[in-house]
């Protein structure tokens, strides 16, 4: 018995099976799952199955059933082959034409459903291409078919470009011309919604951020910023870039802090200044301008470079081996100043010229006041040293009856300006520069530090204390209580007065005062311009031509005349000028000259 409808396929076909599509609606029944590049030729090759219609009504029902099931084109039992056969047999049948139009719409619907998943699923793409092959075969000029064919071609090209982008991403070709980013952008031009391309662009951004963070971990923040700038141009995602920038900034801060700490620790070690400067250079390469850590380390390097472990203005004493303390010291700041008198200064002499720039690159500590009788006495008692005036038995002292300076027997470092015993807190006088150097050598041995007489330049720098005027306090009369000077208001116990003195000034002393009785200057030093003049390390030179510009002492081996600086209780006003200088023999002692020391730091 013959069936009313006979289907004859042009080739044997396996039964259709639905195509599973993750996260997408299931494809219509009757679709074919095709995967693998070797099947592409089969996907793109389709011919209309042959159908013989013996019973049109039965065939029409079979086509409707296949259409309802989504079985559209693969076999002779599919809807489209049956409907085309009916149309060929009954060309003008309006019902068949409507059914075929529905079948075409269903085919395009299936194709579009597959195309939506084709961006990320090769099987879905092949399914969509298979439908495109059918549309191209049957209705190449239909507007809906043309539109779909363009879409499926774009999907294929977009997929290939995304895959090329992934390969470039793996190869590290990120945002270079022709690299991963270009490939993903070209894919999105073809398929704006392709998820693979969007994810690929995010992956490019992430890879550049990882490069930036890796560079930051190595301390190369210039490279890190460059990589971060590249990442920012990928998709302009403000939160992602801001978070990455914050992480890199944390790394920068931590590295700067570690370098600062290493530099600060190094400053307390041998060769530490060099190491600290290297760490500062490393910081300056990566830190922002004005970074507090770089400022702190630079300041500490400057301090150590100029002051060792001290700071300017610091007051301290050294412990001595005998358990006592050395004289009080203050750290004098380094700096530059013009030494000597300008050509137009009143009372200036050629010995104080030419005025010249002296630059002291390192600070130094100076005793805050002249060395006292008590301090010098401890040295004599401990060392057994015999001072020059003691050895020869006389020195120049002030004669209260005549008002002159005369040689007196039995006068030495223990004596005051008038030859009588001096109190322990009075400045030691009746000493030579060599006596002062012997005391400095003893202090050095006792303390382990290096003490010495100041150079002329150091003394004038400390005396001026930042001023450049005729006197340390300015160019006019001295202010009240500034120094122990020759004041017109002062009188000796016998009622004598100075013939050449500062008008209107009186300090209440005739002769030296206990050290520190008057105000300190800007460098916290007392009695620099008054009380007693002080020995310095330099030999006598007439004028400053060829004088050192570094602040070092100007010494000639075997010189017979040594310099002393600063005014005294008995100095004329012209001898209190900041630039004033004088010399005395190496054996000279008198009631107007004492000394103070410098300690190297």
Protein backbone atom coordinates (compact mmCIF):
# COMPACT_ATOMS: atom_id res chain seq x y z
CA UNK A 1 0.00 0.00 0.00
CA UNK A 2 1.41 3.27 -1.11
CA UNK A 3 1.59 6.20 1.33
CA UNK A 4 -0.22 9.31 0.15
CA UNK A 5 3.02 11.32 0.32
CA UNK A 6 6.45 10.05 -0.64
CA UNK A 7 9.61 11.98 0.38
CA UNK A 8 12.71 11.38 -1.68
CA UNK A 9 15.95 12.89 -0.29
CA UNK A 10 18.80 13.77 -2.58
CA UNK A 11 21.22 12.35 -0.02
CA UNK A 12 20.77 10.35 3.15
CA UNK A 13 20.58 12.69 6.16
CA UNK A 14 20.88 11.81 9.83
CA UNK A 15 17.85 12.69 11.92
CA UNK A 16 17.94 16.31 13.02
CA UNK A 17 18.89 16.99 16.63
CA UNK A 18 18.37 20.23 18.54
CA UNK A 19 21.49 22.39 19.00
CA UNK A 20 22.20 23.20 22.67
CA UNK A 21 23.08 26.84 23.25
CA UNK A 22 24.22 27.81 26.77
CA UNK A 23 22.48 30.86 28.24
CA UNK A 24 20.37 31.14 25.07
CA UNK A 25 16.97 29.77 24.15
CA UNK A 26 17.18 26.32 22.61
CA UNK A 27 17.44 26.32 18.87
CA UNK A 28 14.41 25.07 17.00
CA UNK A 29 13.94 21.37 16.63
CA UNK A 30 15.46 19.95 13.50
CA UNK A 31 18.60 22.10 13.67
CA UNK A 32 21.95 20.48 13.01
CA UNK A 33 24.92 20.72 15.40
CA UNK A 34 28.06 21.20 13.35
CA UNK A 35 31.48 21.93 14.82
CA UNK A 36 35.07 21.72 13.72
CA UNK A 37 36.77 23.46 10.80
CA UNK A 38 36.67 20.23 8.72
CA UNK A 39 32.89 20.50 8.63
CA UNK A 40 32.88 24.06 7.28
CA UNK A 41 32.66 22.91 3.69
CA UNK A 42 29.60 20.88 4.53
CA UNK A 43 28.07 23.78 6.38
CA UNK A 44 28.46 26.03 3.37
CA UNK A 45 27.18 23.40 0.93
CA UNK A 46 23.42 22.78 0.79
CA UNK A 47 21.01 21.79 -1.92
CA UNK A 48 17.27 21.52 -1.81
CA UNK A 49 16.16 17.97 -0.98
CA UNK A 50 13.94 16.47 -3.72
CA UNK A 51 10.31 15.92 -2.70
CA UNK A 52 7.58 14.01 -4.66
CA UNK A 53 4.06 15.11 -3.80
CA UNK A 54 1.38 12.51 -4.44
CA UNK A 55 -1.22 13.89 -2.00
CA UNK A 56 -1.03 17.71 -1.71
CA UNK A 57 -3.27 17.85 1.34
CA UNK A 58 -1.21 15.28 3.22
CA UNK A 59 2.00 17.01 2.10
CA UNK A 60 0.63 20.35 3.29
CA UNK A 61 -0.16 18.89 6.70
CA UNK A 62 3.31 17.34 6.89
CA UNK A 63 4.84 20.73 6.07
CA UNK A 64 2.77 22.38 8.77
CA UNK A 65 3.86 19.79 11.31
CA UNK A 66 7.53 20.23 10.35
CA UNK A 67 7.14 24.00 10.48
CA UNK A 68 5.62 23.78 13.94
CA UNK A 69 8.50 21.56 15.04
CA UNK A 70 11.10 23.89 13.54
CA UNK A 71 12.26 21.29 11.03
CA UNK A 72 12.75 23.67 8.14
CA UNK A 73 15.23 22.54 5.46
CA UNK A 74 17.58 19.64 6.12
CA UNK A 75 15.60 16.69 4.76
CA UNK A 76 12.82 15.93 2.32
CA UNK A 77 10.52 15.76 5.36
CA UNK A 78 11.39 19.37 6.34
CA UNK A 79 8.89 22.19 5.82
CA UNK A 80 10.66 24.26 3.16
CA UNK A 81 11.43 21.42 0.70
CA UNK A 82 7.78 20.21 0.94
CA UNK A 83 6.35 23.72 0.49
CA UNK A 84 8.61 24.46 -2.48
CA UNK A 85 7.52 21.17 -4.05
CA UNK A 86 3.85 22.12 -3.47
CA UNK A 87 4.46 25.52 -5.01
CA UNK A 88 6.03 23.96 -8.04
CA UNK A 89 3.09 21.60 -8.38
CA UNK A 90 0.46 24.29 -7.69
CA UNK A 91 2.17 27.58 -8.51
CA UNK A 92 -0.69 29.89 -7.72
CA UNK A 93 -1.80 28.43 -4.41
CA UNK A 94 -2.07 31.32 -2.00
CA UNK A 95 -2.11 29.12 1.12
CA UNK A 96 1.12 27.41 0.14
CA UNK A 97 2.74 30.79 -0.52
CA UNK A 98 1.77 32.00 2.94
CA UNK A 99 3.10 28.84 4.52
CA UNK A 100 6.38 29.23 2.62
CA UNK A 101 6.64 32.84 3.75
CA UNK A 102 6.12 31.68 7.32
CA UNK A 103 8.82 29.08 6.78
CA UNK A 104 11.21 31.74 5.46
CA UNK A 105 10.46 33.90 8.52
CA UNK A 106 11.02 30.91 10.79
CA UNK A 107 14.32 30.20 9.04
CA UNK A 108 15.48 33.79 9.55
CA UNK A 109 14.27 33.64 13.16
CA UNK A 110 16.30 30.48 13.78
CA UNK A 111 19.25 32.09 12.06
CA UNK A 112 19.03 35.23 14.16
CA UNK A 113 18.73 33.21 17.37
CA UNK A 114 21.87 31.33 16.41
CA UNK A 115 23.59 34.52 15.37
CA UNK A 116 23.03 36.06 18.79
CA UNK A 117 25.09 33.25 20.30
CA UNK A 118 27.55 32.99 17.43
CA UNK A 119 29.90 35.65 18.80
CA UNK A 120 31.08 33.34 21.53
CA UNK A 121 30.09 29.86 20.31
CA UNK A 122 31.56 28.27 17.20
CA UNK A 123 28.74 25.73 16.92
CA UNK A 124 26.19 28.53 16.96
CA UNK A 125 28.15 30.37 14.28
CA UNK A 126 28.25 27.29 12.08
CA UNK A 127 24.49 26.83 12.61
CA UNK A 128 23.97 30.45 11.57
CA UNK A 129 26.20 29.98 8.54
CA UNK A 130 24.25 26.88 7.55
CA UNK A 131 21.04 28.92 7.59
CA UNK A 132 22.79 31.64 5.59
CA UNK A 133 23.70 29.03 2.99
CA UNK A 134 20.05 28.03 2.70
CA UNK A 135 18.93 31.66 2.39
CA UNK A 136 21.63 32.37 -0.18
CA UNK A 137 20.55 29.31 -2.16
CA UNK A 138 16.83 29.88 -2.06
CA UNK A 139 16.22 33.62 -1.72
CA UNK A 140 19.47 35.49 -2.51
CA UNK A 141 17.59 38.66 -3.46
CA UNK A 142 15.09 38.80 -0.63
CA UNK A 143 15.69 41.93 1.54
CA UNK A 144 15.44 39.99 4.78
CA UNK A 145 17.83 37.37 3.46
CA UNK A 146 20.31 39.99 2.30
CA UNK A 147 20.29 41.70 5.68
CA UNK A 148 20.89 38.42 7.46
CA UNK A 149 23.64 37.40 5.07
CA UNK A 150 25.45 40.64 5.85
CA UNK A 151 25.06 39.98 9.56
CA UNK A 152 26.39 36.44 9.40
CA UNK A 153 29.37 37.51 7.31
CA UNK A 154 30.12 40.25 9.83
CA UNK A 155 29.86 37.74 12.67
CA UNK A 156 32.38 35.43 10.99
CA UNK A 157 34.83 38.29 10.40
CA UNK A 158 34.33 39.62 13.92
CA UNK A 159 35.03 36.20 15.36
CA UNK A 160 38.24 35.90 13.37
CA UNK A 161 39.36 39.33 14.50
CA UNK A 162 38.58 38.54 18.11
CA UNK A 163 40.56 35.33 17.88
CA UNK A 164 43.45 37.26 16.34
CA UNK A 165 43.16 39.70 19.24
CA UNK A 166 43.37 36.86 21.72
CA UNK A 167 46.48 35.50 20.03
CA UNK A 168 48.07 38.97 20.13
CA UNK A 169 47.09 39.32 23.78
CA UNK A 170 48.86 36.06 24.65
CA UNK A 171 51.90 37.24 22.68
CA UNK A 172 52.01 40.48 24.67
CA UNK A 173 51.12 42.65 21.67
CA UNK A 174 48.62 44.76 23.55
CA UNK A 175 47.99 48.29 22.30
CA UNK A 176 50.61 48.51 19.58
CA UNK A 177 49.45 49.09 15.99
CA UNK A 178 47.99 45.85 14.70
CA UNK A 179 47.97 44.34 18.17
CA UNK A 180 45.23 42.95 20.37
CA UNK A 181 43.44 46.24 20.99
CA UNK A 182 43.20 47.04 17.29
CA UNK A 183 41.82 43.56 16.57
CA UNK A 184 39.16 43.83 19.27
CA UNK A 185 38.13 47.29 18.08
CA UNK A 186 37.79 46.00 14.51
CA UNK A 187 35.65 43.14 15.81
CA UNK A 188 33.37 45.61 17.59
CA UNK A 189 33.06 47.72 14.47
CA UNK A 190 31.59 44.65 12.83
CA UNK A 191 29.64 43.36 15.85
CA UNK A 192 29.23 46.13 18.49
CA UNK A 193 27.84 43.74 21.05
CA UNK A 194 30.42 40.96 20.74
CA UNK A 195 31.24 39.92 24.29
CA UNK A 196 34.58 38.32 23.38
CA UNK A 197 35.87 41.64 22.02
CA UNK A 198 34.61 43.59 25.04
CA UNK A 199 36.27 41.10 27.39
CA UNK A 200 39.43 41.26 25.28
CA UNK A 201 39.60 45.03 25.60
CA UNK A 202 39.24 44.66 29.36
CA UNK A 203 42.02 42.07 29.28
CA UNK A 204 44.29 44.51 27.42
CA UNK A 205 43.61 47.13 30.09
CA UNK A 206 44.31 44.60 32.85
CA UNK A 207 47.56 43.49 31.20
CA UNK A 208 48.77 47.09 30.96
CA UNK A 209 47.84 47.69 34.60
CA UNK A 210 49.79 44.57 35.58
CA UNK A 211 52.77 45.92 33.66
CA UNK A 212 52.43 49.23 35.47
CA UNK A 213 52.31 47.53 38.85
CA UNK A 214 55.28 45.30 37.98
CA UNK A 215 57.30 48.39 37.01
CA UNK A 216 56.28 50.06 40.27
CA UNK A 217 57.40 46.99 42.22
CA UNK A 218 60.82 47.41 40.61
CA UNK A 219 60.87 51.08 41.54
CA UNK A 220 60.50 52.32 37.95
CA UNK A 221 57.60 54.70 38.47
CA UNK A 222 58.22 56.54 35.21
CA UNK A 223 57.56 53.29 33.36
CA UNK A 224 54.64 52.55 35.69
CA UNK A 225 53.03 55.90 34.88
CA UNK A 226 53.62 55.36 31.16
CA UNK A 227 51.94 51.93 31.30
CA UNK A 228 49.09 53.37 33.35
CA UNK A 229 48.60 56.14 30.77
CA UNK A 230 48.39 53.48 28.08
CA UNK A 231 45.86 51.55 30.14
CA UNK A 232 43.78 54.68 30.63
CA UNK A 233 43.49 55.14 26.87
CA UNK A 234 42.16 51.60 26.35
CA UNK A 235 38.58 52.16 27.49
CA UNK A 236 38.60 55.26 29.73
CA UNK A 237 37.29 53.34 32.72
CA UNK A 238 37.76 55.86 35.57
CA UNK A 239 37.24 53.52 38.53
CA UNK A 240 39.63 50.83 37.28
CA UNK A 241 42.41 53.28 36.49
CA UNK A 242 41.87 55.26 39.69
CA UNK A 243 42.13 52.08 41.76
CA UNK A 244 45.31 51.04 39.94
CA UNK A 245 46.79 54.52 40.34
CA UNK A 246 46.03 54.39 44.06
CA UNK A 247 47.79 51.02 44.38
CA UNK A 248 50.83 52.34 42.53
CA UNK A 249 50.84 55.45 44.69
CA UNK A 250 50.91 53.25 47.79
CA UNK A 251 53.90 51.41 46.34
CA UNK A 252 55.60 54.71 45.58
CA UNK A 253 54.98 55.99 49.10
CA UNK A 254 56.28 52.79 50.65
CA UNK A 255 59.40 52.79 48.50
CA UNK A 256 60.12 56.45 49.23
CA UNK A 257 59.64 55.81 52.94
CA UNK A 258 61.99 52.80 52.84
CA UNK A 259 64.66 54.74 50.95
CA UNK A 260 64.34 57.62 53.40
CA UNK A 261 64.71 55.26 56.36
CA UNK A 262 67.75 53.61 54.78
CA UNK A 263 69.30 57.03 54.23
CA UNK A 264 68.61 58.19 57.77
CA UNK A 265 70.02 54.99 59.25
CA UNK A 266 73.12 55.25 57.06
CA UNK A 267 73.89 58.73 58.38
CA UNK A 268 74.93 57.20 61.67
CA UNK A 269 77.36 54.76 60.04
CA UNK A 270 80.82 55.03 58.44
CA UNK A 271 80.58 56.28 54.88
CA UNK A 272 76.94 56.96 55.67
CA UNK A 273 76.85 60.37 53.99
CA UNK A 274 77.60 58.82 50.60
CA UNK A 275 74.94 56.13 51.07
CA UNK A 276 72.38 58.70 52.24
CA UNK A 277 73.04 60.86 49.19
CA UNK A 278 72.54 57.84 46.95
CA UNK A 279 69.21 57.11 48.65
CA UNK A 280 68.18 60.74 48.23
CA UNK A 281 69.01 60.55 44.53
CA UNK A 282 66.84 57.41 44.29
CA UNK A 283 63.99 59.22 46.06
CA UNK A 284 64.19 62.25 43.79
CA UNK A 285 63.79 59.98 40.76
CA UNK A 286 60.42 58.68 41.94
CA UNK A 287 58.99 61.11 44.51
CA UNK A 288 56.63 63.97 43.76
CA UNK A 289 58.07 67.47 44.02
CA UNK A 290 58.26 68.58 47.62
CA UNK A 291 57.70 65.09 49.00
CA UNK A 292 58.13 65.35 52.80
CA UNK A 293 60.38 62.28 52.91
CA UNK A 294 62.82 63.76 50.40
CA UNK A 295 62.77 67.10 52.20
CA UNK A 296 63.47 65.39 55.52
CA UNK A 297 66.36 63.31 54.18
CA UNK A 298 67.85 66.27 52.32
CA UNK A 299 67.75 68.36 55.47
CA UNK A 300 69.37 65.60 57.51
CA UNK A 301 72.06 65.13 54.83
CA UNK A 302 72.72 68.85 54.85
CA UNK A 303 72.94 68.82 58.62
CA UNK A 304 75.29 65.85 58.70
CA UNK A 305 77.33 67.23 55.82
CA UNK A 306 77.74 70.54 57.61
CA UNK A 307 77.46 69.50 61.25
CA UNK A 308 77.99 65.77 61.61
CA UNK A 309 75.62 64.45 64.23
CA UNK A 310 74.94 67.94 65.59
CA UNK A 311 72.62 70.76 64.56
CA UNK A 312 73.23 74.51 64.35
CA UNK A 313 72.68 76.30 67.64
CA UNK A 314 72.99 73.11 69.66
CA UNK A 315 74.61 73.62 73.07
CA UNK A 316 76.58 70.74 74.56
CA UNK A 317 79.64 69.70 76.52
CA UNK A 318 82.03 66.77 76.17
CA UNK A 319 82.66 64.34 78.97
CA UNK A 320 86.32 64.09 79.99
CA UNK A 321 88.23 61.01 81.08
CA UNK A 322 88.62 62.38 84.60
CA UNK A 323 84.85 62.38 85.04
CA UNK A 324 84.38 66.14 84.63
CA UNK A 325 82.83 68.03 81.75
CA UNK A 326 84.59 70.18 79.22
CA UNK A 327 83.70 73.82 78.54
CA UNK A 328 80.24 74.64 77.20
CA UNK A 329 80.01 74.66 73.39
CA UNK A 330 77.55 75.86 70.81
CA UNK A 331 77.37 74.76 67.17
CA UNK A 332 78.07 77.72 64.89
CA UNK A 333 76.29 77.49 61.53
CA UNK A 334 78.26 77.16 58.33
CA UNK A 335 77.90 79.83 55.68
CA UNK A 336 79.57 82.54 53.68
CA UNK A 337 80.43 86.09 54.72
CA UNK A 338 82.58 89.01 53.58
CA UNK A 339 85.68 89.13 55.75
CA UNK A 340 87.54 92.38 56.39
CA UNK A 341 86.65 96.04 56.14
CA UNK A 342 85.22 97.78 53.09
CA UNK A 343 87.23 100.67 51.66
CA UNK A 344 84.88 103.31 53.07
CA UNK A 345 84.76 102.00 56.66
CA UNK A 346 85.88 104.55 59.24
CA UNK A 347 89.10 103.62 61.07
CA UNK A 348 89.78 100.70 58.71
CA UNK A 349 93.41 99.87 57.91
CA UNK A 350 95.10 98.19 54.97
CA UNK A 351 95.74 95.22 57.25
CA UNK A 352 91.99 94.53 57.17
CA UNK A 353 91.72 94.57 53.38
CA UNK A 354 90.87 93.60 50.73
CA UNK A 355 87.43 92.60 51.85
CA UNK A 356 86.85 89.12 50.48
CA UNK A 357 84.30 86.34 50.45
CA UNK A 358 84.94 83.43 52.78
CA UNK A 359 82.83 80.29 52.56
CA UNK A 360 82.80 77.88 55.48
CA UNK A 361 81.36 74.65 54.14
CA UNK A 362 81.15 72.97 57.53
CA UNK A 363 79.90 74.22 60.84
CA UNK A 364 81.95 74.03 63.98
CA UNK A 365 81.42 74.13 67.72
CA UNK A 366 82.90 77.04 69.68
CA UNK A 367 83.12 77.56 73.42
CA UNK A 368 80.29 79.87 74.38
CA UNK A 369 82.61 82.20 76.25
CA UNK A 370 86.29 82.61 76.90
CA UNK A 371 88.05 79.78 78.72
CA UNK A 372 87.93 80.56 82.43
CA UNK A 373 90.58 80.53 85.13
CA UNK A 374 88.87 77.51 86.69
CA UNK A 375 88.81 75.54 83.44
CA UNK A 376 92.44 76.33 82.64
CA UNK A 377 93.40 75.47 86.24
CA UNK A 378 91.95 71.95 85.91
CA UNK A 379 94.17 71.45 82.89
CA UNK A 380 97.26 72.67 84.78
CA UNK A 381 96.51 70.44 87.76
CA UNK A 382 95.84 67.36 85.65
CA UNK A 383 98.69 67.74 83.17
CA UNK A 384 101.45 69.48 85.16
CA UNK A 385 101.82 71.94 82.29
CA UNK A 386 103.74 75.15 83.09
CA UNK A 387 102.36 78.18 81.33
CA UNK A 388 104.79 80.67 79.82
CA UNK A 389 104.10 83.50 82.27
CA UNK A 390 104.58 81.09 85.18
CA UNK A 391 107.82 79.87 83.68
CA UNK A 392 109.33 83.31 83.26
CA UNK A 393 107.69 84.83 86.36
CA UNK A 394 106.02 87.97 84.99
CA UNK A 395 103.33 89.40 82.66
CA UNK A 396 101.81 92.77 81.73
CA UNK A 397 99.03 93.88 84.07
CA UNK A 398 97.05 97.07 84.68
CA UNK A 399 98.63 99.36 87.28
CA UNK A 400 95.77 100.93 89.22
CA UNK A 401 97.98 103.80 90.51
CA UNK A 402 99.32 104.96 87.12
CA UNK A 403 96.56 103.71 84.89
CA UNK A 404 99.12 102.07 82.60
CA UNK A 405 99.98 98.48 81.71
CA UNK A 406 103.26 97.50 83.31
CA UNK A 407 105.23 94.32 83.79
CA UNK A 408 104.61 92.73 87.15
CA UNK A 409 106.41 89.86 88.82
CA UNK A 410 104.60 86.69 89.85
CA UNK A 411 101.72 87.37 87.49
CA UNK A 412 100.43 84.41 85.43
CA UNK A 413 97.20 82.65 84.40
CA UNK A 414 95.92 82.70 88.01
CA UNK A 415 96.02 86.50 88.06
CA UNK A 416 93.44 89.07 87.12
CA UNK A 417 93.87 92.19 85.04
CA UNK A 418 95.46 94.05 87.97
CA UNK A 419 97.75 91.21 89.06
CA UNK A 420 95.62 90.11 91.98
CA UNK A 421 94.24 86.53 92.12
CA UNK A 422 91.38 85.96 89.71
CA UNK A 423 88.10 84.23 90.50
CA UNK A 424 87.43 80.86 88.77
CA UNK A 425 84.67 82.33 86.56
CA UNK A 426 86.86 85.09 85.16
CA UNK A 427 88.36 84.74 81.67
CA UNK A 428 91.88 83.36 81.85
CA UNK A 429 94.44 85.97 80.74
CA UNK A 430 98.23 86.23 80.88
CA UNK A 431 98.47 83.23 78.53
CA UNK A 432 100.17 82.80 75.16
CA UNK A 433 98.71 81.25 72.03
CA UNK A 434 100.93 78.23 72.72
CA UNK A 435 99.45 77.91 76.21
CA UNK A 436 96.01 77.92 74.61
CA UNK A 437 97.07 75.22 72.15
CA UNK A 438 98.42 73.08 74.99
CA UNK A 439 95.06 73.32 76.74
CA UNK A 440 93.31 72.39 73.46
CA UNK A 441 95.56 69.33 73.05
CA UNK A 442 94.75 68.20 76.61
CA UNK A 443 91.02 68.62 76.04
CA UNK A 444 91.31 66.63 72.82
CA UNK A 445 93.06 63.79 74.64
CA UNK A 446 90.55 63.82 77.49
CA UNK A 447 87.42 63.96 75.33
CA UNK A 448 88.39 62.08 72.18
CA UNK A 449 87.23 65.09 70.13
CA UNK A 450 89.48 67.56 68.35
CA UNK A 451 89.85 70.99 70.01
CA UNK A 452 91.90 73.86 68.60
CA UNK A 453 92.13 77.62 68.38
CA UNK A 454 89.71 79.14 65.88
CA UNK A 455 90.99 80.53 62.63
CA UNK A 456 90.71 84.26 62.05
CA UNK A 457 87.93 83.63 59.55
CA UNK A 458 86.00 81.41 61.96
CA UNK A 459 86.33 84.02 64.70
CA UNK A 460 85.14 86.87 62.49
CA UNK A 461 82.25 84.73 61.18
CA UNK A 462 81.23 83.96 64.78
CA UNK A 463 81.75 87.57 65.87
CA UNK A 464 79.64 89.02 63.06
CA UNK A 465 76.95 86.36 63.54
CA UNK A 466 75.34 87.24 60.23
CA UNK A 467 75.96 90.99 60.38
CA UNK A 468 78.03 92.96 57.87
CA UNK A 469 78.18 96.29 59.70
CA UNK A 470 81.04 98.18 61.33
CA UNK A 471 80.29 96.69 64.76
CA UNK A 472 78.58 93.39 65.43
CA UNK A 473 75.47 95.23 66.66
CA UNK A 474 75.36 97.77 63.81
CA UNK A 475 77.08 100.99 62.85
CA UNK A 476 76.20 103.27 65.76
CA UNK A 477 76.52 103.34 69.52
CA UNK A 478 76.39 100.01 71.37
CA UNK A 479 73.02 99.07 72.88
CA UNK A 480 72.81 98.77 76.62
CA UNK A 481 74.40 95.61 78.05
CA UNK A 482 75.71 94.32 74.73
CA UNK A 483 79.38 93.84 75.76
CA UNK A 484 82.04 94.75 78.32
CA UNK A 485 83.48 97.73 76.46
CA UNK A 486 85.28 101.03 77.15
CA UNK A 487 82.30 103.19 77.97
CA UNK A 488 82.48 106.90 78.76
CA UNK A 489 80.30 106.25 81.81
CA UNK A 490 82.67 103.62 83.27
CA UNK A 491 85.15 104.54 86.01
CA UNK A 492 88.00 102.68 87.73
CA UNK A 493 88.00 102.14 91.52
CA UNK A 494 90.33 105.18 91.65
CA UNK A 495 87.92 107.28 89.60
CA UNK A 496 89.78 107.15 86.26
CA UNK A 497 87.84 107.38 83.03
CA UNK A 498 88.66 106.39 79.46
CA UNK A 499 89.99 109.07 77.17
CA UNK A 500 88.74 107.21 74.06
CA UNK A 501 85.47 105.43 74.73
CA UNK A 502 81.92 104.94 73.52
CA UNK A 503 80.00 108.05 74.43
CA UNK A 504 77.06 107.54 76.73
CA UNK A 505 77.84 103.87 77.33
CA UNK A 506 78.57 102.21 80.63
CA UNK A 507 78.65 98.54 81.53
CA UNK A 508 79.70 98.79 85.20
CA UNK A 509 83.03 97.02 84.79
CA UNK A 510 86.59 98.28 84.85
CA UNK A 511 88.56 95.22 83.79
CA UNK A 512 87.17 91.86 82.64
CA UNK A 513 83.79 90.64 83.85
CA UNK A 514 82.91 87.04 84.70
CA UNK A 515 82.35 85.16 81.46
CA UNK A 516 78.81 85.24 80.12
CA UNK A 517 77.84 88.38 82.04
CA UNK A 518 76.55 90.05 78.88
CA UNK A 519 74.00 89.11 76.25
CA UNK A 520 74.81 86.37 73.75
CA UNK A 521 74.91 87.21 70.05
CA UNK A 522 72.78 85.65 67.31
CA UNK A 523 74.97 82.52 67.36
CA UNK A 524 74.49 82.17 71.17
CA UNK A 525 78.09 83.23 71.88
CA UNK A 526 79.09 85.58 74.69
CA UNK A 527 81.83 88.23 74.90
CA UNK A 528 82.92 88.05 71.25
CA UNK A 529 83.45 91.79 70.83
CA UNK A 530 84.40 92.69 74.39
CA UNK A 531 85.63 91.49 77.79
CA UNK A 532 89.03 90.16 76.53
CA UNK A 533 90.60 89.86 73.10
CA UNK A 534 91.31 86.29 72.03
CA UNK A 535 94.13 84.37 70.39
CA UNK A 536 93.41 82.67 67.05
CA UNK A 537 95.42 80.11 65.12
CA UNK A 538 96.67 82.36 62.28
CA UNK A 539 100.10 83.87 61.88
CA UNK A 540 100.42 87.57 61.18
CA UNK A 541 100.02 88.62 57.54
CA UNK A 542 99.82 92.18 56.37
CA UNK A 543 96.45 92.31 54.67
CA UNK A 544 94.38 89.57 53.10
CA UNK A 545 95.93 89.14 49.68
CA UNK A 546 96.19 85.40 48.98
CA UNK A 547 94.32 84.66 52.20
CA UNK A 548 92.39 81.34 52.26
CA UNK A 549 88.79 81.67 51.12
CA UNK A 550 87.72 78.48 52.89
CA UNK A 551 87.96 79.69 56.48
CA UNK A 552 91.15 77.71 57.17
CA UNK A 553 93.85 79.24 59.38
CA UNK A 554 96.63 81.06 57.50
CA UNK A 555 99.77 79.61 59.06
CA UNK A 556 103.45 79.91 58.23
CA UNK A 557 105.76 77.36 59.90
CA UNK A 558 107.83 78.97 62.64
CA UNK A 559 105.98 82.29 62.58
CA UNK A 560 106.85 84.64 65.46
CA UNK A 561 103.69 86.71 65.59
CA UNK A 562 100.22 85.33 66.21
CA UNK A 563 96.88 86.99 65.57
CA UNK A 564 94.27 87.93 68.14
CA UNK A 565 90.78 89.21 67.47
CA UNK A 566 87.87 90.92 69.18
CA UNK A 567 87.76 93.93 71.45
CA UNK A 568 88.47 93.90 75.16
CA UNK A 569 87.49 95.78 78.30
CA UNK A 570 90.32 98.24 77.54
CA UNK A 571 90.00 98.57 73.73
CA UNK A 572 89.31 101.83 71.94
CA UNK A 573 86.06 101.87 69.93
CA UNK A 574 88.00 101.46 66.68
CA UNK A 575 89.39 98.17 68.05
CA UNK A 576 85.91 96.78 68.66
CA UNK A 577 85.02 96.85 64.95
CA UNK A 578 84.18 93.45 63.49
CA UNK A 579 87.07 93.66 61.00
CA UNK A 580 89.71 94.81 63.51
CA UNK A 581 92.75 92.55 63.86
CA UNK A 582 96.07 92.70 65.69
CA UNK A 583 99.08 90.51 66.41
CA UNK A 584 101.36 89.68 69.29
CA UNK A 585 104.56 87.73 69.77
CA UNK A 586 104.41 84.05 70.49
CA UNK A 587 105.57 84.76 74.07
CA UNK A 588 103.32 87.77 74.62
CA UNK A 589 101.04 87.72 77.67
CA UNK A 590 99.00 90.57 79.15
CA UNK A 591 95.79 91.48 80.93
CA UNK A 592 93.73 91.99 77.80
CA UNK A 593 94.13 88.72 75.86
CA UNK A 594 92.59 85.36 76.63
CA UNK A 595 91.20 82.69 74.30
CA UNK A 596 88.32 80.40 73.44
CA UNK A 597 88.42 77.15 71.48
CA UNK A 598 86.78 75.49 68.51
CA UNK A 599 85.78 71.85 68.56
CA UNK A 600 85.53 70.14 65.20
CA UNK A 601 82.28 68.30 64.53
